[in-house]
Amino acid sequence: MNEVETPTRPATELALIPPQDRMERLADRVLAVAKVIAAQGDGRTFTVDAIYDQMQDISRQRLKDALKTLKDARRIHAFGGSKCVRGIYELEESFPAARGVSLSTLADGWRLIEVGDTAALAVTPQEAAVIGSYLAGDAVRISLTEKMRMFQMELDEVRHENANLKQSMRQLKAGT
């Protein structure tokens, strides 16, 4: 399933956009998806297959062209440098590895937000609500992404099982 919404444009409007601008826009979309995928892992790397799984509306060739555009612009590079592993890329701008995050309510009503072992911030309940409203969209997106991944895994299992059943049916029909 696609997780990145792609607005559709009339063909006449697309004809007005120069091809290089269309490729740059596609490259920006690919980079956005790559950053989400990388953030779910080690914060730096993503695979071509993971991008394609999220952006099935584009062909493998267009994805390859977008990745080349990103490499040429030095926004990504092949993982491992000269000893690169095919299909794995690294972001030039990357997130650090995920840190533990906790929110505690103190006896006097203050909230303590802790990120990793080095950052702590005491905020009032009103400030906590404002911070929460800023982050609510990210929380929903991540939650939906996880649910979609689970549904996709279930769907893949059902498709595999269905293919096996069809093969068994063909074999039974051929034997009778």
N, C-alpha and C. Protein backbone atom coordinates (compact mmCIF):
# COMPACT_ATOMS: atom_id res chain seq x y z
N MET A 1 0.85 -1.18 0.00
CA MET A 1 0.00 0.00 0.00
C MET A 1 0.89 1.23 0.00
N ASN A 2 0.44 2.26 -0.59
CA ASN A 2 1.19 3.50 -0.58
C ASN A 2 0.90 4.26 0.68
N GLU A 3 1.95 4.78 1.28
CA GLU A 3 1.78 5.57 2.49
C GLU A 3 1.94 7.05 2.19
N VAL A 4 2.49 7.37 1.05
CA VAL A 4 2.68 8.75 0.67
C VAL A 4 1.59 9.11 -0.31
N GLU A 5 0.74 10.04 0.05
CA GLU A 5 -0.35 10.45 -0.83
C GLU A 5 0.22 11.24 -1.99
N THR A 6 -0.18 10.94 -3.17
CA THR A 6 0.29 11.61 -4.37
C THR A 6 -0.87 12.33 -5.03
N PRO A 7 -0.84 13.66 -5.01
CA PRO A 7 -1.92 14.36 -5.68
C PRO A 7 -1.83 14.11 -7.19
N THR A 8 -2.98 13.91 -7.80
CA THR A 8 -2.99 13.69 -9.24
C THR A 8 -3.21 15.02 -9.94
N ARG A 9 -2.59 15.14 -11.11
CA ARG A 9 -2.71 16.37 -11.88
C ARG A 9 -3.23 16.01 -13.26
N PRO A 10 -3.98 16.91 -13.85
CA PRO A 10 -4.42 16.66 -15.23
C PRO A 10 -3.21 16.57 -16.16
N ALA A 11 -3.34 15.79 -17.21
CA ALA A 11 -2.24 15.59 -18.15
C ALA A 11 -1.79 16.91 -18.77
N THR A 12 -2.73 17.82 -18.98
CA THR A 12 -2.36 19.11 -19.58
C THR A 12 -1.48 19.90 -18.63
N GLU A 13 -1.74 19.79 -17.34
CA GLU A 13 -0.92 20.51 -16.36
C GLU A 13 0.47 19.88 -16.27
N LEU A 14 0.55 18.53 -16.34
CA LEU A 14 1.84 17.85 -16.30
C LEU A 14 2.69 18.21 -17.52
N ALA A 15 2.04 18.43 -18.65
CA ALA A 15 2.78 18.76 -19.87
C ALA A 15 3.49 20.10 -19.73
N LEU A 16 3.00 20.96 -18.85
CA LEU A 16 3.62 22.27 -18.66
C LEU A 16 4.85 22.21 -17.77
N ILE A 17 5.03 21.13 -17.01
CA ILE A 17 6.17 21.00 -16.10
C ILE A 17 7.32 20.36 -16.87
N PRO A 18 8.48 21.03 -16.92
CA PRO A 18 9.62 20.44 -17.63
C PRO A 18 10.00 19.09 -17.03
N PRO A 19 10.48 18.16 -17.87
CA PRO A 19 10.82 16.80 -17.38
C PRO A 19 11.78 16.80 -16.20
N GLN A 20 12.79 17.67 -16.22
CA GLN A 20 13.75 17.67 -15.12
C GLN A 20 13.10 18.08 -13.80
N ASP A 21 12.10 18.99 -13.85
CA ASP A 21 11.38 19.38 -12.65
C ASP A 21 10.53 18.23 -12.13
N ARG A 22 9.92 17.46 -13.05
CA ARG A 22 9.12 16.31 -12.63
C ARG A 22 10.00 15.28 -11.93
N MET A 23 11.22 15.06 -12.47
CA MET A 23 12.13 14.09 -11.86
C MET A 23 12.59 14.60 -10.49
N GLU A 24 12.84 15.89 -10.38
CA GLU A 24 13.25 16.45 -9.09
C GLU A 24 12.12 16.32 -8.07
N ARG A 25 10.90 16.51 -8.50
CA ARG A 25 9.75 16.35 -7.59
C ARG A 25 9.62 14.90 -7.16
N LEU A 26 9.79 13.99 -8.11
CA LEU A 26 9.74 12.57 -7.77
C LEU A 26 10.88 12.22 -6.81
N ALA A 27 12.06 12.76 -7.08
CA ALA A 27 13.21 12.51 -6.20
C ALA A 27 12.92 13.01 -4.79
N ASP A 28 12.27 14.16 -4.67
CA ASP A 28 11.91 14.69 -3.34
C ASP A 28 10.92 13.75 -2.64
N ARG A 29 9.96 13.22 -3.39
CA ARG A 29 9.01 12.25 -2.80
C ARG A 29 9.74 11.00 -2.34
N VAL A 30 10.65 10.50 -3.19
CA VAL A 30 11.41 9.30 -2.84
C VAL A 30 12.25 9.56 -1.59
N LEU A 31 12.86 10.74 -1.51
CA LEU A 31 13.69 11.07 -0.34
C LEU A 31 12.84 11.14 0.93
N ALA A 32 11.64 11.69 0.83
CA ALA A 32 10.75 11.76 1.99
C ALA A 32 10.41 10.36 2.49
N VAL A 33 10.08 9.46 1.57
CA VAL A 33 9.76 8.08 1.95
C VAL A 33 11.01 7.41 2.52
N ALA A 34 12.16 7.66 1.92
CA ALA A 34 13.42 7.07 2.41
C ALA A 34 13.70 7.51 3.84
N LYS A 35 13.43 8.76 4.15
CA LYS A 35 13.67 9.26 5.51
C LYS A 35 12.75 8.59 6.51
N VAL A 36 11.50 8.36 6.12
CA VAL A 36 10.57 7.66 7.02
C VAL A 36 11.05 6.23 7.26
N ILE A 37 11.46 5.56 6.19
CA ILE A 37 11.93 4.18 6.32
C ILE A 37 13.19 4.13 7.17
N ALA A 38 14.12 5.06 6.92
CA ALA A 38 15.36 5.09 7.70
C ALA A 38 15.08 5.37 9.17
N ALA A 39 14.14 6.27 9.44
CA ALA A 39 13.82 6.62 10.83
C ALA A 39 13.25 5.42 11.59
N GLN A 40 12.59 4.51 10.88
CA GLN A 40 12.03 3.32 11.53
C GLN A 40 13.12 2.29 11.82
N GLY A 41 14.27 2.45 11.20
CA GLY A 41 15.38 1.51 11.41
C GLY A 41 16.49 2.18 12.19
N ASP A 42 17.65 2.24 11.56
CA ASP A 42 18.82 2.80 12.24
C ASP A 42 18.94 4.31 12.07
N GLY A 43 18.03 4.92 11.34
CA GLY A 43 18.06 6.36 11.15
C GLY A 43 18.89 6.82 9.97
N ARG A 44 19.59 5.89 9.31
CA ARG A 44 20.48 6.30 8.23
C ARG A 44 20.24 5.56 6.92
N THR A 45 19.89 4.28 6.98
CA THR A 45 19.86 3.48 5.76
C THR A 45 18.45 3.09 5.35
N PHE A 46 18.31 2.83 4.06
CA PHE A 46 17.05 2.34 3.49
C PHE A 46 17.39 1.50 2.29
N THR A 47 16.42 0.70 1.85
CA THR A 47 16.65 -0.15 0.68
C THR A 47 15.74 0.27 -0.47
N VAL A 48 16.16 -0.06 -1.66
CA VAL A 48 15.36 0.22 -2.85
C VAL A 48 14.03 -0.54 -2.75
N ASP A 49 14.10 -1.78 -2.30
CA ASP A 49 12.88 -2.58 -2.19
C ASP A 49 11.88 -1.96 -1.22
N ALA A 50 12.36 -1.41 -0.10
CA ALA A 50 11.46 -0.77 0.87
C ALA A 50 10.80 0.46 0.25
N ILE A 51 11.56 1.22 -0.53
CA ILE A 51 10.99 2.39 -1.21
C ILE A 51 9.92 1.93 -2.20
N TYR A 52 10.25 0.92 -2.99
CA TYR A 52 9.31 0.44 -4.00
C TYR A 52 8.04 -0.10 -3.35
N ASP A 53 8.18 -0.76 -2.21
CA ASP A 53 7.00 -1.27 -1.50
C ASP A 53 6.07 -0.13 -1.09
N GLN A 54 6.63 1.01 -0.77
CA GLN A 54 5.83 2.16 -0.34
C GLN A 54 5.32 2.99 -1.52
N MET A 55 6.00 2.90 -2.66
CA MET A 55 5.67 3.75 -3.81
C MET A 55 5.41 2.90 -5.05
N GLN A 56 4.46 2.01 -4.97
CA GLN A 56 4.19 1.10 -6.07
C GLN A 56 3.56 1.80 -7.27
N ASP A 57 3.22 3.08 -7.12
CA ASP A 57 2.63 3.82 -8.24
C ASP A 57 3.67 4.24 -9.27
N ILE A 58 4.97 4.04 -8.96
CA ILE A 58 6.01 4.38 -9.93
C ILE A 58 6.72 3.11 -10.36
N SER A 59 7.27 3.14 -11.55
CA SER A 59 7.98 1.97 -12.06
C SER A 59 9.36 1.87 -11.43
N ARG A 60 9.94 0.68 -11.51
CA ARG A 60 11.30 0.48 -10.99
C ARG A 60 12.29 1.40 -11.71
N GLN A 61 12.08 1.60 -13.02
CA GLN A 61 13.00 2.46 -13.77
C GLN A 61 12.91 3.90 -13.29
N ARG A 62 11.69 4.39 -13.06
CA ARG A 62 11.54 5.77 -12.56
C ARG A 62 12.14 5.89 -11.16
N LEU A 63 11.99 4.86 -10.34
CA LEU A 63 12.60 4.87 -9.01
C LEU A 63 14.12 4.91 -9.13
N LYS A 64 14.65 4.11 -10.05
CA LYS A 64 16.10 4.11 -10.28
C LYS A 64 16.58 5.50 -10.73
N ASP A 65 15.82 6.14 -11.60
CA ASP A 65 16.17 7.48 -12.08
C ASP A 65 16.12 8.50 -10.92
N ALA A 66 15.10 8.37 -10.07
CA ALA A 66 14.99 9.29 -8.93
C ALA A 66 16.15 9.09 -7.96
N LEU A 67 16.53 7.84 -7.73
CA LEU A 67 17.67 7.58 -6.85
C LEU A 67 18.97 8.13 -7.45
N LYS A 68 19.11 8.02 -8.77
CA LYS A 68 20.29 8.58 -9.43
C LYS A 68 20.31 10.10 -9.25
N THR A 69 19.14 10.73 -9.39
CA THR A 69 19.04 12.18 -9.19
C THR A 69 19.47 12.55 -7.77
N LEU A 70 19.03 11.78 -6.79
CA LEU A 70 19.40 12.04 -5.39
C LEU A 70 20.89 11.82 -5.15
N LYS A 71 21.46 10.77 -5.80
CA LYS A 71 22.90 10.53 -5.66
C LYS A 71 23.70 11.67 -6.29
N ASP A 72 23.27 12.09 -7.48
CA ASP A 72 23.97 13.18 -8.17
C ASP A 72 23.91 14.48 -7.37
N ALA A 73 22.82 14.68 -6.64
CA ALA A 73 22.67 15.89 -5.82
C ALA A 73 23.34 15.72 -4.44
N ARG A 74 23.97 14.57 -4.24
CA ARG A 74 24.66 14.24 -2.98
C ARG A 74 23.73 14.29 -1.77
N ARG A 75 22.49 13.83 -1.97
CA ARG A 75 21.53 13.75 -0.86
C ARG A 75 21.50 12.35 -0.28
N ILE A 76 21.95 11.36 -1.07
CA ILE A 76 22.10 9.98 -0.60
C ILE A 76 23.39 9.43 -1.20
N HIS A 77 23.87 8.34 -0.66
CA HIS A 77 24.99 7.63 -1.27
C HIS A 77 24.84 6.14 -1.02
N ALA A 78 25.51 5.35 -1.86
CA ALA A 78 25.44 3.90 -1.73
C ALA A 78 26.05 3.51 -0.40
N PHE A 79 25.41 2.58 0.28
CA PHE A 79 25.88 2.12 1.58
C PHE A 79 27.21 1.41 1.43
N GLY A 80 28.18 1.74 2.27
CA GLY A 80 29.47 1.07 2.25
C GLY A 80 30.49 1.72 1.34
N GLY A 81 30.16 2.86 0.71
CA GLY A 81 31.11 3.56 -0.15
C GLY A 81 31.53 2.71 -1.33
N SER A 82 32.84 2.50 -1.48
CA SER A 82 33.33 1.76 -2.65
C SER A 82 32.99 0.28 -2.57
N LYS A 83 32.77 -0.24 -1.36
CA LYS A 83 32.37 -1.65 -1.20
C LYS A 83 30.87 -1.69 -0.96
N CYS A 84 30.12 -1.04 -1.84
CA CYS A 84 28.68 -0.88 -1.63
C CYS A 84 27.93 -2.20 -1.78
N VAL A 85 26.87 -2.29 -1.04
CA VAL A 85 25.96 -3.42 -1.11
C VAL A 85 24.82 -2.98 -2.01
N ARG A 86 24.52 -3.74 -3.04
CA ARG A 86 23.48 -3.35 -4.00
C ARG A 86 22.13 -3.15 -3.35
N GLY A 87 21.50 -2.01 -3.69
CA GLY A 87 20.14 -1.76 -3.24
C GLY A 87 20.01 -1.14 -1.87
N ILE A 88 21.14 -0.87 -1.20
CA ILE A 88 21.09 -0.24 0.11
C ILE A 88 21.75 1.13 0.00
N TYR A 89 21.04 2.14 0.48
CA TYR A 89 21.54 3.51 0.42
C TYR A 89 21.55 4.13 1.80
N GLU A 90 22.32 5.19 1.94
CA GLU A 90 22.44 5.90 3.20
C GLU A 90 22.11 7.37 2.95
N LEU A 91 21.37 7.96 3.88
CA LEU A 91 21.03 9.37 3.79
C LEU A 91 22.25 10.21 4.14
N GLU A 92 22.43 11.30 3.44
CA GLU A 92 23.50 12.23 3.81
C GLU A 92 23.14 12.93 5.13
N GLU A 93 21.87 13.33 5.24
CA GLU A 93 21.36 13.89 6.49
C GLU A 93 20.60 12.77 7.16
N SER A 94 21.06 12.36 8.33
CA SER A 94 20.40 11.22 8.95
C SER A 94 20.03 11.53 10.39
N PHE A 95 19.14 10.72 10.92
CA PHE A 95 18.74 10.82 12.31
C PHE A 95 19.64 9.92 13.13
N PRO A 96 19.86 10.27 14.38
CA PRO A 96 20.59 9.34 15.24
C PRO A 96 19.72 8.11 15.53
N ALA A 97 20.32 7.09 16.10
CA ALA A 97 19.55 5.91 16.48
C ALA A 97 18.47 6.33 17.47
N ALA A 98 17.33 5.66 17.42
CA ALA A 98 16.21 6.00 18.28
C ALA A 98 16.61 5.90 19.75
N ARG A 99 16.19 6.88 20.54
CA ARG A 99 16.45 6.89 21.98
C ARG A 99 15.16 6.61 22.71
N GLY A 100 15.28 6.17 23.93
CA GLY A 100 14.10 5.94 24.75
C GLY A 100 13.46 7.27 25.13
N VAL A 101 12.13 7.32 25.13
CA VAL A 101 11.40 8.53 25.48
C VAL A 101 10.39 8.16 26.55
N SER A 102 10.32 8.99 27.60
CA SER A 102 9.32 8.72 28.63
C SER A 102 8.67 10.02 29.06
N LEU A 103 7.45 9.89 29.56
CA LEU A 103 6.70 11.03 30.08
C LEU A 103 6.19 10.64 31.46
N SER A 104 6.56 11.40 32.46
CA SER A 104 6.14 11.12 33.83
C SER A 104 5.35 12.31 34.35
N THR A 105 4.34 12.01 35.18
CA THR A 105 3.60 13.06 35.86
C THR A 105 4.09 13.13 37.30
N LEU A 106 4.58 14.29 37.68
CA LEU A 106 5.10 14.47 39.03
C LEU A 106 3.95 14.74 40.00
N ALA A 107 4.22 14.63 41.28
CA ALA A 107 3.18 14.78 42.31
C ALA A 107 2.49 16.14 42.26
N ASP A 108 3.23 17.17 41.87
CA ASP A 108 2.64 18.52 41.84
C ASP A 108 1.98 18.86 40.51
N GLY A 109 1.86 17.88 39.59
CA GLY A 109 1.17 18.10 38.32
C GLY A 109 2.09 18.39 37.14
N TRP A 110 3.34 18.73 37.41
CA TRP A 110 4.28 18.96 36.32
C TRP A 110 4.51 17.66 35.56
N ARG A 111 4.86 17.77 34.29
CA ARG A 111 5.19 16.62 33.47
C ARG A 111 6.68 16.65 33.19
N LEU A 112 7.30 15.49 33.25
CA LEU A 112 8.73 15.38 32.98
C LEU A 112 8.90 14.55 31.71
N ILE A 113 9.43 15.19 30.68
CA ILE A 113 9.70 14.51 29.41
C ILE A 113 11.19 14.19 29.39
N GLU A 114 11.51 12.89 29.23
CA GLU A 114 12.91 12.46 29.17
C GLU A 114 13.18 11.80 27.83
N VAL A 115 14.28 12.20 27.21
CA VAL A 115 14.70 11.63 25.93
C VAL A 115 16.11 11.08 26.13
N GLY A 116 16.22 9.77 26.01
CA GLY A 116 17.52 9.13 26.25
C GLY A 116 17.97 9.35 27.68
N ASP A 117 19.27 9.29 27.88
CA ASP A 117 19.82 9.50 29.22
C ASP A 117 20.32 10.92 29.43
N THR A 118 20.20 11.76 28.41
CA THR A 118 20.83 13.07 28.50
C THR A 118 19.88 14.25 28.51
N ALA A 119 18.63 14.08 28.11
CA ALA A 119 17.74 15.24 28.01
C ALA A 119 16.48 15.02 28.83
N ALA A 120 16.16 16.04 29.64
CA ALA A 120 14.93 16.01 30.43
C ALA A 120 14.37 17.42 30.44
N LEU A 121 13.04 17.51 30.37
CA LEU A 121 12.39 18.81 30.34
C LEU A 121 11.14 18.74 31.21
N ALA A 122 11.05 19.62 32.18
CA ALA A 122 9.84 19.70 33.01
C ALA A 122 8.91 20.73 32.38
N VAL A 123 7.64 20.34 32.15
CA VAL A 123 6.67 21.23 31.54
C VAL A 123 5.37 21.20 32.33
N THR A 124 4.60 22.27 32.21
CA THR A 124 3.30 22.33 32.86
C THR A 124 2.32 21.46 32.07
N PRO A 125 1.18 21.12 32.64
CA PRO A 125 0.20 20.33 31.88
C PRO A 125 -0.24 21.04 30.59
N GLN A 126 -0.37 22.35 30.63
CA GLN A 126 -0.75 23.08 29.41
C GLN A 126 0.34 22.99 28.35
N GLU A 127 1.60 23.12 28.77
CA GLU A 127 2.70 23.01 27.81
C GLU A 127 2.76 21.59 27.24
N ALA A 128 2.52 20.60 28.08
CA ALA A 128 2.51 19.21 27.61
C ALA A 128 1.42 19.01 26.55
N ALA A 129 0.27 19.64 26.78
CA ALA A 129 -0.83 19.52 25.81
C ALA A 129 -0.44 20.16 24.47
N VAL A 130 0.23 21.29 24.51
CA VAL A 130 0.66 21.95 23.27
C VAL A 130 1.68 21.08 22.55
N ILE A 131 2.64 20.54 23.28
CA ILE A 131 3.65 19.67 22.67
C ILE A 131 2.96 18.44 22.07
N GLY A 132 2.01 17.88 22.80
CA GLY A 132 1.27 16.72 22.31
C GLY A 132 0.52 17.03 21.03
N SER A 133 -0.09 18.21 20.96
CA SER A 133 -0.83 18.56 19.74
C SER A 133 0.13 18.73 18.55
N TYR A 134 1.34 19.20 18.81
CA TYR A 134 2.33 19.32 17.74
C TYR A 134 2.75 17.95 17.23
N LEU A 135 2.82 16.97 18.11
CA LEU A 135 3.32 15.65 17.74
C LEU A 135 2.23 14.65 17.39
N ALA A 136 0.97 15.03 17.55
CA ALA A 136 -0.14 14.10 17.31
C ALA A 136 -0.14 13.55 15.89
N GLY A 137 0.13 14.38 14.91
CA GLY A 137 0.14 13.93 13.52
C GLY A 137 1.20 12.86 13.29
N ASP A 138 2.39 13.07 13.87
CA ASP A 138 3.44 12.06 13.74
C ASP A 138 3.03 10.75 14.40
N ALA A 139 2.40 10.84 15.56
CA ALA A 139 1.97 9.63 16.27
C ALA A 139 0.94 8.86 15.44
N VAL A 140 0.00 9.54 14.86
CA VAL A 140 -1.02 8.89 14.04
C VAL A 140 -0.37 8.26 12.81
N ARG A 141 0.52 8.99 12.16
CA ARG A 141 1.20 8.48 10.96
C ARG A 141 1.99 7.22 11.28
N ILE A 142 2.75 7.23 12.36
CA ILE A 142 3.56 6.07 12.72
C ILE A 142 2.65 4.89 13.08
N SER A 143 1.60 5.16 13.81
CA SER A 143 0.66 4.10 14.18
C SER A 143 0.03 3.48 12.93
N LEU A 144 -0.41 4.33 12.01
CA LEU A 144 -1.01 3.83 10.77
C LEU A 144 0.01 3.08 9.92
N THR A 145 1.24 3.56 9.92
CA THR A 145 2.29 2.88 9.16
C THR A 145 2.49 1.47 9.69
N GLU A 146 2.54 1.33 11.00
CA GLU A 146 2.70 0.00 11.60
C GLU A 146 1.51 -0.89 11.28
N LYS A 147 0.30 -0.35 11.38
CA LYS A 147 -0.89 -1.14 11.06
C LYS A 147 -0.88 -1.56 9.60
N MET A 148 -0.52 -0.65 8.72
CA MET A 148 -0.47 -0.98 7.29
C MET A 148 0.58 -2.06 7.03
N ARG A 149 1.71 -2.00 7.71
CA ARG A 149 2.75 -3.01 7.56
C ARG A 149 2.22 -4.37 8.01
N MET A 150 1.50 -4.39 9.13
CA MET A 150 0.92 -5.64 9.62
C MET A 150 -0.10 -6.19 8.61
N PHE A 151 -0.98 -5.31 8.10
CA PHE A 151 -1.96 -5.74 7.11
C PHE A 151 -1.28 -6.27 5.85
N GLN A 152 -0.22 -5.60 5.43
CA GLN A 152 0.50 -6.04 4.23
C GLN A 152 1.12 -7.41 4.45
N MET A 153 1.68 -7.65 5.63
CA MET A 153 2.25 -8.96 5.93
C MET A 153 1.17 -10.04 5.92
N GLU A 154 0.02 -9.72 6.52
CA GLU A 154 -1.10 -10.67 6.51
C GLU A 154 -1.57 -10.93 5.09
N LEU A 155 -1.69 -9.89 4.30
CA LEU A 155 -2.13 -10.03 2.91
C LEU A 155 -1.13 -10.88 2.12
N ASP A 156 0.15 -10.66 2.34
CA ASP A 156 1.17 -11.46 1.65
C ASP A 156 1.04 -12.93 2.02
N GLU A 157 0.79 -13.20 3.30
CA GLU A 157 0.61 -14.60 3.73
C GLU A 157 -0.62 -15.22 3.07
N VAL A 158 -1.72 -14.48 3.02
CA VAL A 158 -2.94 -14.99 2.40
C VAL A 158 -2.72 -15.22 0.91
N ARG A 159 -2.03 -14.30 0.25
CA ARG A 159 -1.75 -14.47 -1.18
C ARG A 159 -0.90 -15.73 -1.41
N HIS A 160 0.11 -15.93 -0.55
CA HIS A 160 0.96 -17.10 -0.68
C HIS A 160 0.15 -18.38 -0.48
N GLU A 161 -0.68 -18.38 0.55
CA GLU A 161 -1.54 -19.54 0.82
C GLU A 161 -2.50 -19.77 -0.34
N ASN A 162 -3.07 -18.71 -0.87
CA ASN A 162 -3.99 -18.81 -2.01
C ASN A 162 -3.28 -19.40 -3.23
N ALA A 163 -2.07 -18.95 -3.49
CA ALA A 163 -1.30 -19.47 -4.62
C ALA A 163 -1.04 -20.96 -4.44
N ASN A 164 -0.71 -21.37 -3.20
CA ASN A 164 -0.48 -22.79 -2.94
C ASN A 164 -1.76 -23.61 -3.15
N LEU A 165 -2.89 -23.06 -2.69
CA LEU A 165 -4.16 -23.76 -2.88
C LEU A 165 -4.52 -23.88 -4.35
N LYS A 166 -4.28 -22.82 -5.12
CA LYS A 166 -4.55 -22.88 -6.56
C LYS A 166 -3.68 -23.93 -7.23
N GLN A 167 -2.41 -23.99 -6.82
CA GLN A 167 -1.50 -24.99 -7.38
C GLN A 167 -1.98 -26.40 -7.04
N SER A 168 -2.41 -26.59 -5.81
CA SER A 168 -2.93 -27.90 -5.39
C SER A 168 -4.18 -28.26 -6.18
N MET A 169 -5.06 -27.29 -6.40
CA MET A 169 -6.28 -27.54 -7.18
C MET A 169 -5.92 -27.94 -8.62
N ARG A 170 -4.95 -27.25 -9.21
CA ARG A 170 -4.53 -27.59 -10.58
C ARG A 170 -3.98 -29.01 -10.63
N GLN A 171 -3.20 -29.37 -9.62
CA GLN A 171 -2.63 -30.72 -9.59
C GLN A 171 -3.72 -31.77 -9.43
N LEU A 172 -4.72 -31.48 -8.58
CA LEU A 172 -5.84 -32.42 -8.39
C LEU A 172 -6.64 -32.56 -9.67
N LYS A 173 -6.89 -31.46 -10.36
CA LYS A 173 -7.65 -31.51 -11.61
C LYS A 173 -6.87 -32.26 -12.68
N ALA A 174 -5.57 -32.08 -12.70
CA ALA A 174 -4.74 -32.75 -13.71
C ALA A 174 -4.68 -34.25 -13.46
N GLY A 175 -4.81 -34.67 -12.19
CA GLY A 175 -4.75 -36.09 -11.84
C GLY A 175 -6.06 -36.80 -12.04
N THR A 176 -7.17 -36.09 -12.21
CA THR A 176 -8.48 -36.76 -12.36
C THR A 176 -8.92 -36.85 -13.80
